[in-house]
Amino acid sequence: MNVHIWVDADACPGTIKETLYYAADRVGVPMTLVANQSLRTPSSSLINTVKVASGPDVADDYIVEHLEAGDLVITADIPLAASAIEKGAHVINPRGMEYDEENIGHYLGMRNFMDEMRSAGQVGGGPPPLSQRECQDFANALDRFLTRCNRP
């Protein structure tokens, strides 16, 4: 399998990281977690971390710069997802949504609209906490992706 998993790790929930650690070792796929803080990960030659400087989009820019077409990016950040897709990567968010060329424009437009609404004080807060069902949805989406990658 010639795929690499890139994780936008600053905002990635711990339960999702645990699922990724297990999958990386089970399937033998290398994974890099990128964050602006130090991360604890299991001891594995397949799991790497990169600590980037603090600042907006620094981790995102690192991921986009280093990923290759066919890689998998795990992120809830819609602009990062759009950039990754533009470079030929696959993207799954921590809730199990798979972004692709056909749907990313819709999600990017919705994200920009909600950003404007928040700036105008019309809405507040972010998404609700991750549910058990969404964790399972993520695991299923990851499994589907890895299964597709292992087909001859």
C-alpha atoms as a PDB file:
ATOM      1  CA  MET A   1       0.000   0.000   0.000  1.00  0.00           C
ATOM      2  CA  ASN A   2       1.563   3.283  -1.114  1.00  0.00           C
ATOM      3  CA  VAL A   3      -0.723   5.599   0.787  1.00  0.00           C
ATOM      4  CA  HIS A   4       0.226   7.875   3.658  1.00  0.00           C
ATOM      5  CA  ILE A   5      -2.244   9.152   6.249  1.00  0.00           C
ATOM      6  CA  TRP A   6      -1.898  12.811   7.265  1.00  0.00           C
ATOM      7  CA  VAL A   7      -3.725  13.955  10.404  1.00  0.00           C
ATOM      8  CA  ASP A   8      -4.579  17.563  11.195  1.00  0.00           C
ATOM      9  CA  ALA A   9      -3.971  16.674  14.819  1.00  0.00           C
ATOM     10  CA  ASP A  10      -4.582  19.920  16.743  1.00  0.00           C
ATOM     11  CA  ALA A  11      -8.356  19.501  16.669  1.00  0.00           C
ATOM     12  CA  CYS A  12      -8.600  15.762  16.032  1.00  0.00           C
ATOM     13  CA  PRO A  13     -10.502  14.027  18.859  1.00  0.00           C
ATOM     14  CA  GLY A  14      -8.580  11.452  20.901  1.00  0.00           C
ATOM     15  CA  THR A  15     -10.980   8.640  20.029  1.00  0.00           C
ATOM     16  CA  ILE A  16     -10.352   9.251  16.333  1.00  0.00           C
ATOM     17  CA  LYS A  17      -6.582   9.245  16.881  1.00  0.00           C
ATOM     18  CA  GLU A  18      -6.890   5.907  18.706  1.00  0.00           C
ATOM     19  CA  THR A  19      -8.790   4.447  15.743  1.00  0.00           C
ATOM     20  CA  LEU A  20      -6.081   5.729  13.406  1.00  0.00           C
ATOM     21  CA  TYR A  21      -3.243   4.284  15.535  1.00  0.00           C
ATOM     22  CA  TYR A  22      -4.902   0.878  15.471  1.00  0.00           C
ATOM     23  CA  ALA A  23      -5.558   1.027  11.716  1.00  0.00           C
ATOM     24  CA  ALA A  24      -2.004   2.142  10.870  1.00  0.00           C
ATOM     25  CA  ASP A  25      -0.516  -0.814  12.701  1.00  0.00           C
ATOM     26  CA  ARG A  26      -3.146  -3.306  11.522  1.00  0.00           C
ATOM     27  CA  VAL A  27      -2.815  -2.426   7.842  1.00  0.00           C
ATOM     28  CA  GLY A  28       0.818  -1.270   7.845  1.00  0.00           C
ATOM     29  CA  VAL A  29       0.198   2.241   6.557  1.00  0.00           C
ATOM     30  CA  PRO A  30       2.446   5.126   7.615  1.00  0.00           C
ATOM     31  CA  MET A  31       0.800   8.052   9.359  1.00  0.00           C
ATOM     32  CA  THR A  32       1.963  11.533  10.285  1.00  0.00           C
ATOM     33  CA  LEU A  33       0.178  13.690  12.846  1.00  0.00           C
ATOM     34  CA  VAL A  34       0.836  17.409  12.388  1.00  0.00           C
ATOM     35  CA  ALA A  35       0.187  19.847  15.248  1.00  0.00           C
ATOM     36  CA  ASN A  36       1.513  23.025  16.817  1.00  0.00           C
ATOM     37  CA  GLN A  37       2.059  21.221  20.120  1.00  0.00           C
ATOM     38  CA  SER A  38       3.851  18.054  21.201  1.00  0.00           C
ATOM     39  CA  LEU A  39       1.787  14.889  20.867  1.00  0.00           C
ATOM     40  CA  ARG A  40       1.884  11.551  22.636  1.00  0.00           C
ATOM     41  CA  THR A  41       1.567   8.611  20.295  1.00  0.00           C
ATOM     42  CA  PRO A  42       2.094   4.881  20.634  1.00  0.00           C
ATOM     43  CA  SER A  43       5.552   3.576  19.917  1.00  0.00           C
ATOM     44  CA  SER A  44       5.419   2.511  16.277  1.00  0.00           C
ATOM     45  CA  SER A  45       7.702   2.892  13.301  1.00  0.00           C
ATOM     46  CA  LEU A  46       4.579   3.732  11.260  1.00  0.00           C
ATOM     47  CA  ILE A  47       3.382   6.646  13.404  1.00  0.00           C
ATOM     48  CA  ASN A  48       5.247   9.958  13.208  1.00  0.00           C
ATOM     49  CA  THR A  49       4.563  13.419  14.567  1.00  0.00           C
ATOM     50  CA  VAL A  50       5.552  16.827  13.267  1.00  0.00           C
ATOM     51  CA  LYS A  51       5.414  19.866  15.512  1.00  0.00           C
ATOM     52  CA  VAL A  52       4.959  23.080  13.540  1.00  0.00           C
ATOM     53  CA  ALA A  53       5.064  26.683  14.689  1.00  0.00           C
ATOM     54  CA  SER A  54       1.915  28.232  16.139  1.00  0.00           C
ATOM     55  CA  GLY A  55      -0.190  30.309  13.823  1.00  0.00           C
ATOM     56  CA  PRO A  56      -3.159  30.119  11.547  1.00  0.00           C
ATOM     57  CA  ASP A  57      -2.942  27.405   8.894  1.00  0.00           C
ATOM     58  CA  VAL A  58       0.684  26.450   9.664  1.00  0.00           C
ATOM     59  CA  ALA A  59      -0.193  22.762  10.167  1.00  0.00           C
ATOM     60  CA  ASP A  60      -2.554  22.864   7.178  1.00  0.00           C
ATOM     61  CA  ASP A  61       0.136  24.339   4.945  1.00  0.00           C
ATOM     62  CA  TYR A  62       2.634  21.695   6.087  1.00  0.00           C
ATOM     63  CA  ILE A  63       0.224  18.878   5.245  1.00  0.00           C
ATOM     64  CA  VAL A  64      -0.620  20.276   1.801  1.00  0.00           C
ATOM     65  CA  GLU A  65       3.054  20.837   1.024  1.00  0.00           C
ATOM     66  CA  HIS A  66       4.061  17.275   1.929  1.00  0.00           C
ATOM     67  CA  LEU A  67       1.134  15.116   0.837  1.00  0.00           C
ATOM     68  CA  GLU A  68       1.099  13.234  -2.437  1.00  0.00           C
ATOM     69  CA  ALA A  69      -1.782  12.350  -4.723  1.00  0.00           C
ATOM     70  CA  GLY A  70      -3.590   9.308  -3.340  1.00  0.00           C
ATOM     71  CA  ASP A  71      -2.737  10.058   0.296  1.00  0.00           C
ATOM     72  CA  LEU A  72      -5.450  10.324   2.944  1.00  0.00           C
ATOM     73  CA  VAL A  73      -5.980  13.468   5.026  1.00  0.00           C
ATOM     74  CA  ILE A  74      -7.984  13.417   8.254  1.00  0.00           C
ATOM     75  CA  THR A  75      -9.347  16.877   9.030  1.00  0.00           C
ATOM     76  CA  ALA A  76     -12.456  18.820   9.953  1.00  0.00           C
ATOM     77  CA  ASP A  77     -10.949  21.925   8.321  1.00  0.00           C
ATOM     78  CA  ILE A  78     -12.862  22.516   5.086  1.00  0.00           C
ATOM     79  CA  PRO A  79     -10.265  24.797   3.401  1.00  0.00           C
ATOM     80  CA  LEU A  80      -7.554  22.204   4.158  1.00  0.00           C
ATOM     81  CA  ALA A  81      -9.828  19.496   2.744  1.00  0.00           C
ATOM     82  CA  ALA A  82     -10.330  21.548  -0.443  1.00  0.00           C
ATOM     83  CA  SER A  83      -6.581  22.095  -0.874  1.00  0.00           C
ATOM     84  CA  ALA A  84      -5.846  18.404  -0.278  1.00  0.00           C
ATOM     85  CA  ILE A  85      -8.466  17.321  -2.814  1.00  0.00           C
ATOM     86  CA  GLU A  86      -7.018  19.791  -5.309  1.00  0.00           C
ATOM     87  CA  LYS A  87      -3.676  17.961  -4.956  1.00  0.00           C
ATOM     88  CA  GLY A  88      -5.328  14.570  -5.517  1.00  0.00           C
ATOM     89  CA  ALA A  89      -5.630  13.407  -1.909  1.00  0.00           C
ATOM     90  CA  HIS A  90      -8.614  11.735  -0.265  1.00  0.00           C
ATOM     91  CA  VAL A  91     -10.186  13.384   2.785  1.00  0.00           C
ATOM     92  CA  ILE A  92     -12.282  12.058   5.674  1.00  0.00           C
ATOM     93  CA  ASN A  93     -13.427  14.232   8.547  1.00  0.00           C
ATOM     94  CA  PRO A  94     -13.550  12.930  12.144  1.00  0.00           C
ATOM     95  CA  ARG A  95     -17.324  12.431  11.854  1.00  0.00           C
ATOM     96  CA  GLY A  96     -16.908  10.009   8.938  1.00  0.00           C
ATOM     97  CA  MET A  97     -17.799  12.370   6.082  1.00  0.00           C
ATOM     98  CA  GLU A  98     -15.762  11.705   2.962  1.00  0.00           C
ATOM     99  CA  TYR A  99     -15.022  14.859   0.992  1.00  0.00           C
ATOM    100  CA  ASP A 100     -14.373  14.650  -2.740  1.00  0.00           C
ATOM    101  CA  GLU A 101     -14.312  16.789  -5.872  1.00  0.00           C
ATOM    102  CA  GLU A 102     -18.084  16.546  -6.205  1.00  0.00           C
ATOM    103  CA  ASN A 103     -19.081  17.694  -2.711  1.00  0.00           C
ATOM    104  CA  ILE A 104     -16.245  19.899  -1.425  1.00  0.00           C
ATOM    105  CA  GLY A 105     -17.586  23.025  -3.155  1.00  0.00           C
ATOM    106  CA  HIS A 106     -20.877  22.686  -1.272  1.00  0.00           C
ATOM    107  CA  TYR A 107     -19.117  22.256   2.079  1.00  0.00           C
ATOM    108  CA  LEU A 108     -16.727  25.125   1.389  1.00  0.00           C
ATOM    109  CA  GLY A 109     -19.658  27.409   0.528  1.00  0.00           C
ATOM    110  CA  MET A 110     -21.527  26.353   3.687  1.00  0.00           C
ATOM    111  CA  ARG A 111     -18.414  26.907   5.804  1.00  0.00           C
ATOM    112  CA  ASN A 112     -17.946  30.403   4.381  1.00  0.00           C
ATOM    113  CA  PHE A 113     -21.629  31.225   4.939  1.00  0.00           C
ATOM    114  CA  MET A 114     -21.479  30.058   8.572  1.00  0.00           C
ATOM    115  CA  ASP A 115     -18.260  32.028   9.083  1.00  0.00           C
ATOM    116  CA  GLU A 116     -20.063  35.175   7.888  1.00  0.00           C
ATOM    117  CA  MET A 117     -23.010  34.410  10.190  1.00  0.00           C
ATOM    118  CA  ARG A 118     -20.677  33.991  13.185  1.00  0.00           C
ATOM    119  CA  SER A 119     -18.882  37.244  12.323  1.00  0.00           C
ATOM    120  CA  ALA A 120     -22.247  39.031  12.228  1.00  0.00           C
ATOM    121  CA  GLY A 121     -23.206  37.534  15.602  1.00  0.00           C
ATOM    122  CA  GLN A 122     -26.089  35.570  14.087  1.00  0.00           C
ATOM    123  CA  VAL A 123     -24.851  32.169  15.283  1.00  0.00           C
ATOM    124  CA  GLY A 124     -22.393  31.072  17.922  1.00  0.00           C
ATOM    125  CA  GLY A 125     -20.457  28.043  18.966  1.00  0.00           C
ATOM    126  CA  GLY A 126     -19.139  25.215  16.924  1.00  0.00           C
ATOM    127  CA  PRO A 127     -20.267  21.719  16.134  1.00  0.00           C
ATOM    128  CA  PRO A 128     -21.675  19.468  18.859  1.00  0.00           C
ATOM    129  CA  PRO A 129     -19.371  16.977  20.595  1.00  0.00           C
ATOM    130  CA  LEU A 130     -18.487  13.854  18.652  1.00  0.00           C
ATOM    131  CA  SER A 131     -21.057  11.107  19.220  1.00  0.00           C
ATOM    132  CA  GLN A 132     -20.417   7.369  19.488  1.00  0.00           C
ATOM    133  CA  ARG A 133     -22.267   6.930  16.193  1.00  0.00           C
ATOM    134  CA  GLU A 134     -19.982   9.447  14.476  1.00  0.00           C
ATOM    135  CA  CYS A 135     -16.914   7.626  15.833  1.00  0.00           C
ATOM    136  CA  GLN A 136     -18.284   4.449  14.261  1.00  0.00           C
ATOM    137  CA  ASP A 137     -19.033   6.310  11.017  1.00  0.00           C
ATOM    138  CA  PHE A 138     -15.404   7.440  10.951  1.00  0.00           C
ATOM    139  CA  ALA A 139     -14.095   3.928  11.572  1.00  0.00           C
ATOM    140  CA  ASN A 140     -16.311   2.605   8.769  1.00  0.00           C
ATOM    141  CA  ALA A 141     -15.190   5.317   6.323  1.00  0.00           C
ATOM    142  CA  LEU A 142     -11.537   4.655   7.171  1.00  0.00           C
ATOM    143  CA  ASP A 143     -12.032   0.912   6.721  1.00  0.00           C
ATOM    144  CA  ARG A 144     -13.702   1.448   3.321  1.00  0.00           C
ATOM    145  CA  PHE A 145     -10.813   3.643   2.196  1.00  0.00           C
ATOM    146  CA  LEU A 146      -8.119   1.210   3.366  1.00  0.00           C
ATOM    147  CA  THR A 147      -9.968  -1.710   1.783  1.00  0.00           C
ATOM    148  CA  ARG A 148     -10.098   0.146  -1.561  1.00  0.00           C
ATOM    149  CA  CYS A 149      -6.350   0.813  -1.311  1.00  0.00           C
ATOM    150  CA  ASN A 150      -5.555  -2.868  -0.734  1.00  0.00           C
ATOM    151  CA  ARG A 151      -7.423  -4.138  -3.790  1.00  0.00           C
ATOM    152  CA  PRO A 152      -5.140  -5.444  -6.538  1.00  0.00           C
END
